[in-house]
Amino acid sequence: MYEACCGRFHSGAADAPTAALLMRSRYCAFVRRDEAYLLRTWHPRTRPAEVDFDPRMRWTGLEILGTTEGSAFHSAGTVTFRASYRGGALQERSRFERIGGAWVYVDGEFFE
């Protein structure tokens, strides 16, 4: 299942064709602590030098709550999601843009 879904994106064999699929693949990269993929799919103007993983964090699920634009026909889009972890959950509205045809994460706003 991993190879059919996010593995092909993480390996560089394919780019996520939509902002929502990039969001799912980035969530999976956080679960797997794949810093290289996270940095590669982060917009250059907002990309940190490194990803600070919390060693105590155990992700348990992702639910996409909504999207605006973000398809192959758009240059920008948003994905609103809830990511669950042991002991709680966070909700974020993430912004994505396409650079050279590839979707990248720009930033996000947390909310309750």
Protein backbone atom coordinates (compact mmCIF):
# COMPACT_ATOMS: atom_id res chain seq x y z
CA MET A 1 0.00 0.00 0.00
CA TYR A 2 2.81 2.45 0.87
CA GLU A 3 4.48 2.06 -2.56
CA ALA A 4 1.18 2.51 -4.42
CA CYS A 5 0.33 5.63 -2.44
CA CYS A 6 3.12 7.75 -0.98
CA GLY A 7 6.18 5.63 -1.67
CA ARG A 8 6.32 6.68 -5.33
CA PHE A 9 6.30 10.34 -4.27
CA HIS A 10 8.87 9.86 -1.50
CA SER A 11 11.23 8.01 -3.84
CA GLY A 12 10.97 10.74 -6.49
CA ALA A 13 9.45 8.36 -9.06
CA ALA A 14 6.45 10.71 -9.39
CA ASP A 15 5.23 14.09 -8.18
CA ALA A 16 1.94 14.39 -6.33
CA PRO A 17 -0.58 15.54 -8.98
CA THR A 18 -2.77 17.50 -6.54
CA ALA A 19 -2.30 19.55 -3.40
CA ALA A 20 -4.38 17.02 -1.43
CA LEU A 21 -2.15 14.13 -2.48
CA LEU A 22 0.92 16.18 -1.58
CA MET A 23 -0.65 16.81 1.85
CA ARG A 24 -1.21 13.07 2.34
CA SER A 25 2.34 12.28 1.24
CA ARG A 26 3.78 14.92 3.59
CA TYR A 27 1.76 13.51 6.50
CA CYS A 28 3.20 10.07 5.69
CA ALA A 29 6.68 11.63 5.53
CA PHE A 30 6.17 13.05 9.04
CA VAL A 31 5.11 9.60 10.25
CA ARG A 32 8.21 8.05 8.63
CA ARG A 33 10.45 11.02 9.61
CA ASP A 34 11.49 11.50 5.98
CA GLU A 35 13.17 14.88 6.31
CA ALA A 36 14.55 14.88 2.75
CA TYR A 37 11.06 14.57 1.25
CA LEU A 38 9.57 17.19 3.54
CA LEU A 39 12.28 19.70 2.66
CA ARG A 40 12.07 18.88 -1.07
CA THR A 41 8.32 19.57 -1.06
CA TRP A 42 8.53 22.80 0.99
CA HIS A 43 8.42 26.14 -0.83
CA PRO A 44 11.93 27.67 -0.97
CA ARG A 45 10.77 30.98 0.53
CA THR A 46 9.34 29.29 3.67
CA ARG A 47 11.51 26.15 3.92
CA PRO A 48 13.37 25.73 7.23
CA ALA A 49 16.97 24.57 7.33
CA GLU A 50 15.87 21.30 8.94
CA VAL A 51 12.78 19.56 10.27
CA ASP A 52 12.57 19.31 14.05
CA PHE A 53 10.85 15.98 14.74
CA ASP A 54 9.51 15.44 18.24
CA PRO A 55 10.71 11.95 19.20
CA ARG A 56 7.68 11.49 21.48
CA MET A 57 5.14 12.28 18.73
CA ARG A 58 3.19 9.26 17.45
CA TRP A 59 0.89 10.14 14.55
CA THR A 60 -2.25 8.00 14.38
CA GLY A 61 -4.36 9.32 11.51
CA LEU A 62 -5.12 11.94 8.89
CA GLU A 63 -8.52 13.25 7.83
CA ILE A 64 -8.86 15.67 4.91
CA LEU A 65 -11.63 18.10 5.89
CA GLY A 66 -11.72 20.15 2.69
CA THR A 67 -9.83 21.51 -0.29
CA THR A 68 -9.98 24.60 -2.48
CA GLU A 69 -8.48 24.43 -5.94
CA GLY A 70 -5.19 22.49 -5.90
CA SER A 71 -5.85 20.29 -8.94
CA ALA A 72 -3.70 19.79 -12.02
CA PHE A 73 -5.43 22.84 -13.53
CA HIS A 74 -4.54 25.25 -10.70
CA SER A 75 -1.39 27.04 -9.59
CA ALA A 76 -2.39 27.27 -5.92
CA GLY A 77 -4.69 25.57 -3.47
CA THR A 78 -5.49 24.88 0.16
CA VAL A 79 -6.04 21.69 2.11
CA THR A 80 -7.76 21.70 5.49
CA PHE A 81 -7.03 18.63 7.58
CA ARG A 82 -7.04 17.06 11.02
CA ALA A 83 -3.94 15.08 12.00
CA SER A 84 -4.38 12.86 15.03
CA TYR A 85 -1.61 11.83 17.35
CA ARG A 86 -1.47 9.84 20.54
CA GLY A 87 -3.08 12.17 23.07
CA GLY A 88 -4.73 14.67 20.72
CA ALA A 89 -5.13 16.19 17.28
CA LEU A 90 -4.29 19.33 15.37
CA GLN A 91 -6.19 21.07 12.59
CA GLU A 92 -4.51 23.14 9.92
CA ARG A 93 -5.38 24.92 6.70
CA SER A 94 -2.30 24.51 4.52
CA ARG A 95 -1.44 26.58 1.46
CA PHE A 96 0.22 25.00 -1.57
CA GLU A 97 1.65 26.39 -4.81
CA ARG A 98 3.00 24.82 -7.96
CA ILE A 99 6.61 25.48 -8.93
CA GLY A 100 7.79 24.08 -12.23
CA GLY A 101 4.70 21.88 -12.35
CA ALA A 102 5.28 20.35 -8.89
CA TRP A 103 3.15 21.08 -5.83
CA VAL A 104 4.96 22.43 -2.76
CA TYR A 105 3.82 23.31 0.76
CA VAL A 106 3.94 27.05 1.48
CA ASP A 107 2.62 27.44 5.03
CA GLY A 108 -0.32 26.68 7.25
CA GLU A 109 -2.63 28.16 9.83
CA PHE A 110 -3.63 26.12 12.88
CA PHE A 111 -7.17 26.40 14.21
CA GLU A 112 -9.57 24.63 16.57
